[in-house]
Amino acid sequence: MRVIGLISDTHIPNRRKKLPKEVIKAFNDAKVDLIIHAGDFEDLSIVSVLEKIAPLEAVHGNMCHQEVKSRFPTKKIIEIENLNLGITHGSGGYSGYFERLLDSFKNDISLLDIIISGHTHKPEAK
């Protein structure tokens, strides 16, 4: 079974100068073999930090600089252990968030087993 580290909304360098040591330690201690970042890196400085830990799958968010948007898509679908994961950042306010999330994958929703998103800054599983 694969160990996946999930992270989003790191907002580096505007809200923090660098990735918290606790995050790096948690990913290393768990021996993650893949990291999924659900957007709002802001700039590319964190990418190399994460890629030193494990391969990275990512999307950009609404606060990302153009260099991030050029490297990472708005949404993507990846397959892991026979599960199709849709990854996107999300958008707008909390009201209607999940409806917009589903709508963003409307053409692929029947293929997806899991959707991973960020944006709300609230950990939640539905």
N, C-alpha and C. Protein backbone atom coordinates (compact mmCIF):
# COMPACT_ATOMS: atom_id res chain seq x y z
N MET A 1 0.85 -1.18 0.00
CA MET A 1 0.00 0.00 0.00
C MET A 1 0.89 1.25 0.00
N ARG A 2 0.52 2.22 -0.79
CA ARG A 2 1.28 3.47 -0.88
C ARG A 2 0.94 4.40 0.27
N VAL A 3 1.92 5.16 0.68
CA VAL A 3 1.72 6.18 1.71
C VAL A 3 1.78 7.53 1.02
N ILE A 4 0.69 8.27 1.12
CA ILE A 4 0.57 9.55 0.42
C ILE A 4 0.48 10.68 1.42
N GLY A 5 1.30 11.69 1.23
CA GLY A 5 1.23 12.91 2.04
C GLY A 5 0.37 13.92 1.32
N LEU A 6 -0.64 14.45 2.01
CA LEU A 6 -1.52 15.47 1.44
C LEU A 6 -1.21 16.82 2.07
N ILE A 7 -1.14 17.84 1.22
CA ILE A 7 -0.88 19.18 1.71
C ILE A 7 -1.51 20.18 0.74
N SER A 8 -1.80 21.35 1.25
CA SER A 8 -2.39 22.39 0.42
C SER A 8 -2.19 23.73 1.10
N ASP A 9 -2.39 24.79 0.35
CA ASP A 9 -2.42 26.14 0.90
C ASP A 9 -1.21 26.46 1.77
N THR A 10 -0.04 26.17 1.25
CA THR A 10 1.17 26.47 2.00
C THR A 10 1.51 27.96 1.97
N HIS A 11 1.07 28.66 0.96
CA HIS A 11 1.20 30.12 0.86
C HIS A 11 2.60 30.61 1.20
N ILE A 12 3.59 30.02 0.55
CA ILE A 12 4.97 30.44 0.76
C ILE A 12 5.40 31.28 -0.43
N PRO A 13 5.93 32.46 -0.26
CA PRO A 13 6.48 33.08 0.94
C PRO A 13 5.58 34.11 1.61
N ASN A 14 4.35 34.30 1.17
CA ASN A 14 3.54 35.39 1.71
C ASN A 14 3.06 35.18 3.15
N ARG A 15 2.71 33.96 3.51
CA ARG A 15 2.24 33.72 4.88
C ARG A 15 3.29 33.06 5.76
N ARG A 16 4.22 32.36 5.14
CA ARG A 16 5.34 31.72 5.82
C ARG A 16 6.56 31.84 4.93
N LYS A 17 7.71 31.85 5.56
CA LYS A 17 8.95 31.91 4.77
C LYS A 17 9.31 30.56 4.18
N LYS A 18 8.99 29.47 4.92
CA LYS A 18 9.33 28.14 4.44
C LYS A 18 8.35 27.12 5.03
N LEU A 19 8.42 25.92 4.51
CA LEU A 19 7.57 24.84 4.97
C LEU A 19 7.91 24.51 6.43
N PRO A 20 6.91 24.40 7.31
CA PRO A 20 7.20 24.09 8.71
C PRO A 20 7.97 22.77 8.86
N LYS A 21 8.92 22.75 9.76
CA LYS A 21 9.72 21.55 10.03
C LYS A 21 8.83 20.37 10.41
N GLU A 22 7.71 20.65 11.07
CA GLU A 22 6.80 19.58 11.49
C GLU A 22 6.21 18.84 10.29
N VAL A 23 5.96 19.56 9.21
CA VAL A 23 5.42 18.94 8.00
C VAL A 23 6.48 18.03 7.37
N ILE A 24 7.68 18.54 7.26
CA ILE A 24 8.77 17.74 6.69
C ILE A 24 9.00 16.49 7.54
N LYS A 25 9.01 16.66 8.85
CA LYS A 25 9.22 15.53 9.76
C LYS A 25 8.08 14.52 9.61
N ALA A 26 6.85 14.99 9.56
CA ALA A 26 5.70 14.08 9.44
C ALA A 26 5.78 13.27 8.14
N PHE A 27 6.11 13.92 7.04
CA PHE A 27 6.23 13.22 5.76
C PHE A 27 7.38 12.21 5.79
N ASN A 28 8.51 12.63 6.36
CA ASN A 28 9.65 11.71 6.44
C ASN A 28 9.37 10.55 7.39
N ASP A 29 8.79 10.84 8.55
CA ASP A 29 8.48 9.78 9.52
C ASP A 29 7.50 8.77 8.95
N ALA A 30 6.54 9.25 8.18
CA ALA A 30 5.54 8.36 7.57
C ALA A 30 6.10 7.63 6.35
N LYS A 31 7.28 8.04 5.92
CA LYS A 31 7.90 7.46 4.72
C LYS A 31 6.97 7.55 3.51
N VAL A 32 6.41 8.76 3.30
CA VAL A 32 5.52 8.94 2.16
C VAL A 32 6.27 8.64 0.87
N ASP A 33 5.56 8.01 -0.06
CA ASP A 33 6.19 7.75 -1.35
C ASP A 33 5.54 8.58 -2.46
N LEU A 34 4.64 9.47 -2.06
CA LEU A 34 4.04 10.43 -2.99
C LEU A 34 3.50 11.58 -2.16
N ILE A 35 3.65 12.79 -2.67
CA ILE A 35 3.04 13.96 -2.04
C ILE A 35 2.06 14.57 -3.04
N ILE A 36 0.86 14.86 -2.56
CA ILE A 36 -0.14 15.57 -3.36
C ILE A 36 -0.32 16.94 -2.75
N HIS A 37 -0.09 17.98 -3.55
CA HIS A 37 -0.28 19.36 -3.11
C HIS A 37 -1.48 19.91 -3.88
N ALA A 38 -2.51 20.31 -3.15
CA ALA A 38 -3.76 20.77 -3.77
C ALA A 38 -3.81 22.28 -3.96
N GLY A 39 -2.69 22.87 -4.27
CA GLY A 39 -2.67 24.25 -4.71
C GLY A 39 -2.41 25.31 -3.66
N ASP A 40 -2.13 26.50 -4.16
CA ASP A 40 -1.70 27.67 -3.41
C ASP A 40 -0.33 27.49 -2.78
N PHE A 41 0.61 27.09 -3.64
CA PHE A 41 2.03 27.15 -3.28
C PHE A 41 2.38 28.63 -3.09
N GLU A 42 1.97 29.42 -4.02
CA GLU A 42 2.25 30.81 -4.34
C GLU A 42 3.44 30.89 -5.28
N ASP A 43 4.64 30.43 -4.84
CA ASP A 43 5.75 30.39 -5.80
C ASP A 43 6.37 29.00 -5.80
N LEU A 44 7.39 28.81 -6.61
CA LEU A 44 7.97 27.47 -6.80
C LEU A 44 9.00 27.07 -5.74
N SER A 45 9.29 27.92 -4.77
CA SER A 45 10.34 27.63 -3.81
C SER A 45 10.10 26.35 -3.01
N ILE A 46 8.87 26.02 -2.75
CA ILE A 46 8.54 24.84 -1.96
C ILE A 46 8.61 23.54 -2.76
N VAL A 47 8.52 23.64 -4.07
CA VAL A 47 8.47 22.44 -4.92
C VAL A 47 9.70 21.57 -4.71
N SER A 48 10.88 22.14 -4.76
CA SER A 48 12.09 21.34 -4.60
C SER A 48 12.19 20.74 -3.20
N VAL A 49 11.69 21.44 -2.20
CA VAL A 49 11.68 20.90 -0.83
C VAL A 49 10.83 19.64 -0.78
N LEU A 50 9.64 19.70 -1.36
CA LEU A 50 8.74 18.55 -1.35
C LEU A 50 9.29 17.41 -2.20
N GLU A 51 9.87 17.74 -3.35
CA GLU A 51 10.39 16.71 -4.25
C GLU A 51 11.61 15.99 -3.68
N LYS A 52 12.28 16.59 -2.71
CA LYS A 52 13.38 15.89 -2.03
C LYS A 52 12.85 14.79 -1.12
N ILE A 53 11.60 14.93 -0.69
CA ILE A 53 10.98 13.94 0.19
C ILE A 53 10.38 12.80 -0.62
N ALA A 54 9.63 13.15 -1.67
CA ALA A 54 8.93 12.14 -2.48
C ALA A 54 8.49 12.79 -3.79
N PRO A 55 8.14 11.97 -4.79
CA PRO A 55 7.58 12.54 -6.02
C PRO A 55 6.34 13.38 -5.70
N LEU A 56 6.11 14.38 -6.52
CA LEU A 56 5.05 15.36 -6.27
C LEU A 56 4.02 15.35 -7.40
N GLU A 57 2.76 15.28 -7.02
CA GLU A 57 1.63 15.54 -7.93
C GLU A 57 0.97 16.80 -7.40
N ALA A 58 0.68 17.75 -8.27
CA ALA A 58 0.17 19.02 -7.78
C ALA A 58 -0.68 19.75 -8.81
N VAL A 59 -1.46 20.69 -8.30
CA VAL A 59 -2.23 21.62 -9.10
C VAL A 59 -1.94 23.02 -8.56
N HIS A 60 -2.27 24.03 -9.35
CA HIS A 60 -2.08 25.39 -8.83
C HIS A 60 -3.39 25.89 -8.21
N GLY A 61 -3.25 26.91 -7.39
CA GLY A 61 -4.41 27.52 -6.76
C GLY A 61 -4.58 28.97 -7.19
N ASN A 62 -5.57 29.61 -6.63
CA ASN A 62 -5.90 30.98 -7.03
C ASN A 62 -4.84 32.01 -6.61
N MET A 63 -4.01 31.69 -5.65
CA MET A 63 -2.99 32.64 -5.18
C MET A 63 -1.61 32.38 -5.79
N CYS A 64 -1.51 31.43 -6.68
CA CYS A 64 -0.21 31.07 -7.25
C CYS A 64 0.25 32.08 -8.29
N HIS A 65 1.56 32.30 -8.29
CA HIS A 65 2.18 33.15 -9.30
C HIS A 65 2.14 32.45 -10.66
N GLN A 66 2.36 33.19 -11.70
CA GLN A 66 2.28 32.65 -13.06
C GLN A 66 3.24 31.49 -13.28
N GLU A 67 4.42 31.53 -12.67
CA GLU A 67 5.38 30.43 -12.86
C GLU A 67 4.83 29.11 -12.35
N VAL A 68 4.03 29.16 -11.29
CA VAL A 68 3.40 27.94 -10.76
C VAL A 68 2.27 27.50 -11.69
N LYS A 69 1.48 28.47 -12.15
CA LYS A 69 0.38 28.15 -13.06
C LYS A 69 0.89 27.57 -14.37
N SER A 70 2.08 27.97 -14.78
CA SER A 70 2.67 27.42 -16.00
C SER A 70 3.14 25.97 -15.81
N ARG A 71 3.53 25.65 -14.59
CA ARG A 71 4.05 24.30 -14.34
C ARG A 71 2.98 23.30 -13.94
N PHE A 72 1.95 23.75 -13.21
CA PHE A 72 0.93 22.84 -12.69
C PHE A 72 -0.46 23.23 -13.21
N PRO A 73 -1.29 22.24 -13.56
CA PRO A 73 -2.62 22.54 -14.10
C PRO A 73 -3.61 22.97 -13.01
N THR A 74 -4.79 23.38 -13.45
CA THR A 74 -5.88 23.73 -12.54
C THR A 74 -6.44 22.49 -11.86
N LYS A 75 -6.51 21.41 -12.61
CA LYS A 75 -7.00 20.14 -12.06
C LYS A 75 -6.32 19.01 -12.80
N LYS A 76 -6.31 17.84 -12.16
CA LYS A 76 -5.75 16.66 -12.81
C LYS A 76 -6.37 15.42 -12.20
N ILE A 77 -6.26 14.34 -12.93
CA ILE A 77 -6.72 13.04 -12.45
C ILE A 77 -5.53 12.09 -12.49
N ILE A 78 -5.29 11.42 -11.37
CA ILE A 78 -4.22 10.44 -11.33
C ILE A 78 -4.80 9.11 -10.83
N GLU A 79 -4.14 8.03 -11.19
CA GLU A 79 -4.57 6.72 -10.72
C GLU A 79 -3.54 6.19 -9.74
N ILE A 80 -4.02 5.76 -8.58
CA ILE A 80 -3.17 5.16 -7.56
C ILE A 80 -3.87 3.91 -7.06
N GLU A 81 -3.21 2.79 -7.20
CA GLU A 81 -3.73 1.51 -6.72
C GLU A 81 -5.19 1.29 -7.13
N ASN A 82 -5.45 1.46 -8.41
CA ASN A 82 -6.77 1.24 -9.00
C ASN A 82 -7.84 2.23 -8.54
N LEU A 83 -7.43 3.34 -7.96
CA LEU A 83 -8.37 4.41 -7.60
C LEU A 83 -8.04 5.63 -8.44
N ASN A 84 -9.07 6.28 -8.94
CA ASN A 84 -8.90 7.52 -9.68
C ASN A 84 -9.12 8.70 -8.75
N LEU A 85 -8.07 9.51 -8.61
CA LEU A 85 -8.11 10.68 -7.74
C LEU A 85 -8.17 11.94 -8.57
N GLY A 86 -9.17 12.75 -8.32
CA GLY A 86 -9.26 14.06 -8.94
C GLY A 86 -8.64 15.06 -7.98
N ILE A 87 -7.75 15.90 -8.48
CA ILE A 87 -7.08 16.89 -7.65
C ILE A 87 -7.36 18.26 -8.24
N THR A 88 -7.81 19.18 -7.40
CA THR A 88 -8.01 20.57 -7.79
C THR A 88 -7.88 21.43 -6.55
N HIS A 89 -7.74 22.71 -6.73
CA HIS A 89 -7.62 23.59 -5.57
C HIS A 89 -8.99 23.95 -5.00
N GLY A 90 -9.92 24.28 -5.85
CA GLY A 90 -11.22 24.77 -5.41
C GLY A 90 -11.28 26.28 -5.58
N SER A 91 -12.48 26.83 -5.38
CA SER A 91 -12.64 28.27 -5.58
C SER A 91 -13.86 28.79 -4.83
N GLY A 92 -13.87 30.11 -4.66
CA GLY A 92 -15.01 30.79 -4.07
C GLY A 92 -15.13 30.59 -2.57
N GLY A 93 -16.24 31.10 -2.03
CA GLY A 93 -16.50 31.00 -0.60
C GLY A 93 -16.94 29.60 -0.19
N TYR A 94 -17.09 29.42 1.12
CA TYR A 94 -17.42 28.09 1.63
C TYR A 94 -18.84 27.66 1.22
N SER A 95 -19.75 28.60 1.15
CA SER A 95 -21.11 28.28 0.72
C SER A 95 -21.09 27.84 -0.75
N GLY A 96 -21.55 26.66 -1.02
CA GLY A 96 -21.57 26.12 -2.37
C GLY A 96 -20.25 25.54 -2.84
N TYR A 97 -19.27 25.48 -1.93
CA TYR A 97 -17.94 25.00 -2.30
C TYR A 97 -17.97 23.59 -2.88
N PHE A 98 -18.65 22.67 -2.21
CA PHE A 98 -18.64 21.27 -2.65
C PHE A 98 -19.39 21.09 -3.96
N GLU A 99 -20.42 21.87 -4.20
CA GLU A 99 -21.12 21.81 -5.47
C GLU A 99 -20.21 22.27 -6.61
N ARG A 100 -19.46 23.37 -6.36
CA ARG A 100 -18.52 23.86 -7.38
C ARG A 100 -17.40 22.84 -7.62
N LEU A 101 -16.98 22.18 -6.55
CA LEU A 101 -15.94 21.16 -6.66
C LEU A 101 -16.40 20.02 -7.57
N LEU A 102 -17.58 19.51 -7.32
CA LEU A 102 -18.13 18.45 -8.16
C LEU A 102 -18.32 18.93 -9.59
N ASP A 103 -18.78 20.16 -9.74
CA ASP A 103 -19.01 20.71 -11.08
C ASP A 103 -17.70 20.83 -11.86
N SER A 104 -16.61 21.10 -11.16
CA SER A 104 -15.33 21.24 -11.86
C SER A 104 -14.87 19.93 -12.50
N PHE A 105 -15.40 18.82 -12.01
CA PHE A 105 -15.08 17.50 -12.58
C PHE A 105 -16.29 16.88 -13.29
N LYS A 106 -17.27 17.71 -13.66
CA LYS A 106 -18.54 17.18 -14.18
C LYS A 106 -18.37 16.21 -15.34
N ASN A 107 -17.38 16.43 -16.20
CA ASN A 107 -17.19 15.53 -17.34
C ASN A 107 -16.50 14.23 -16.97
N ASP A 108 -15.92 14.19 -15.78
CA ASP A 108 -15.15 13.02 -15.36
C ASP A 108 -15.67 12.40 -14.06
N ILE A 109 -16.73 12.96 -13.50
CA ILE A 109 -17.16 12.57 -12.16
C ILE A 109 -17.44 11.07 -12.04
N SER A 110 -17.94 10.45 -13.09
CA SER A 110 -18.25 9.02 -13.01
C SER A 110 -16.98 8.17 -12.94
N LEU A 111 -15.84 8.74 -13.32
CA LEU A 111 -14.57 8.01 -13.29
C LEU A 111 -13.86 8.10 -11.93
N LEU A 112 -14.25 9.09 -11.11
CA LEU A 112 -13.50 9.40 -9.89
C LEU A 112 -13.97 8.60 -8.68
N ASP A 113 -12.99 8.20 -7.89
CA ASP A 113 -13.25 7.55 -6.61
C ASP A 113 -13.09 8.54 -5.46
N ILE A 114 -12.18 9.50 -5.64
CA ILE A 114 -11.85 10.47 -4.59
C ILE A 114 -11.57 11.81 -5.24
N ILE A 115 -11.99 12.90 -4.58
CA ILE A 115 -11.59 14.24 -5.00
C ILE A 115 -10.81 14.86 -3.86
N ILE A 116 -9.65 15.40 -4.19
CA ILE A 116 -8.79 16.08 -3.21
C ILE A 116 -8.77 17.55 -3.59
N SER A 117 -8.99 18.41 -2.60
CA SER A 117 -8.98 19.84 -2.89
C SER A 117 -8.40 20.60 -1.70
N GLY A 118 -8.19 21.87 -1.92
CA GLY A 118 -7.69 22.77 -0.89
C GLY A 118 -8.63 23.95 -0.76
N HIS A 119 -8.06 25.13 -0.65
CA HIS A 119 -8.75 26.42 -0.70
C HIS A 119 -9.47 26.83 0.58
N THR A 120 -10.18 25.93 1.24
CA THR A 120 -10.99 26.34 2.39
C THR A 120 -10.18 26.49 3.68
N HIS A 121 -9.00 25.94 3.72
CA HIS A 121 -8.14 25.95 4.92
C HIS A 121 -8.80 25.20 6.07
N LYS A 122 -9.73 24.30 5.75
CA LYS A 122 -10.41 23.46 6.74
C LYS A 122 -10.24 22.00 6.35
N PRO A 123 -9.56 21.21 7.19
CA PRO A 123 -9.49 19.77 6.87
C PRO A 123 -10.87 19.15 7.00
N GLU A 124 -11.27 18.42 5.99
CA GLU A 124 -12.61 17.84 6.00
C GLU A 124 -12.66 16.65 5.05
N ALA A 125 -13.38 15.63 5.45
CA ALA A 125 -13.58 14.47 4.59
C ALA A 125 -15.08 14.25 4.44
N LYS A 126 -15.52 14.12 3.20
CA LYS A 126 -16.95 13.88 2.92
C LYS A 126 -17.06 12.71 1.99
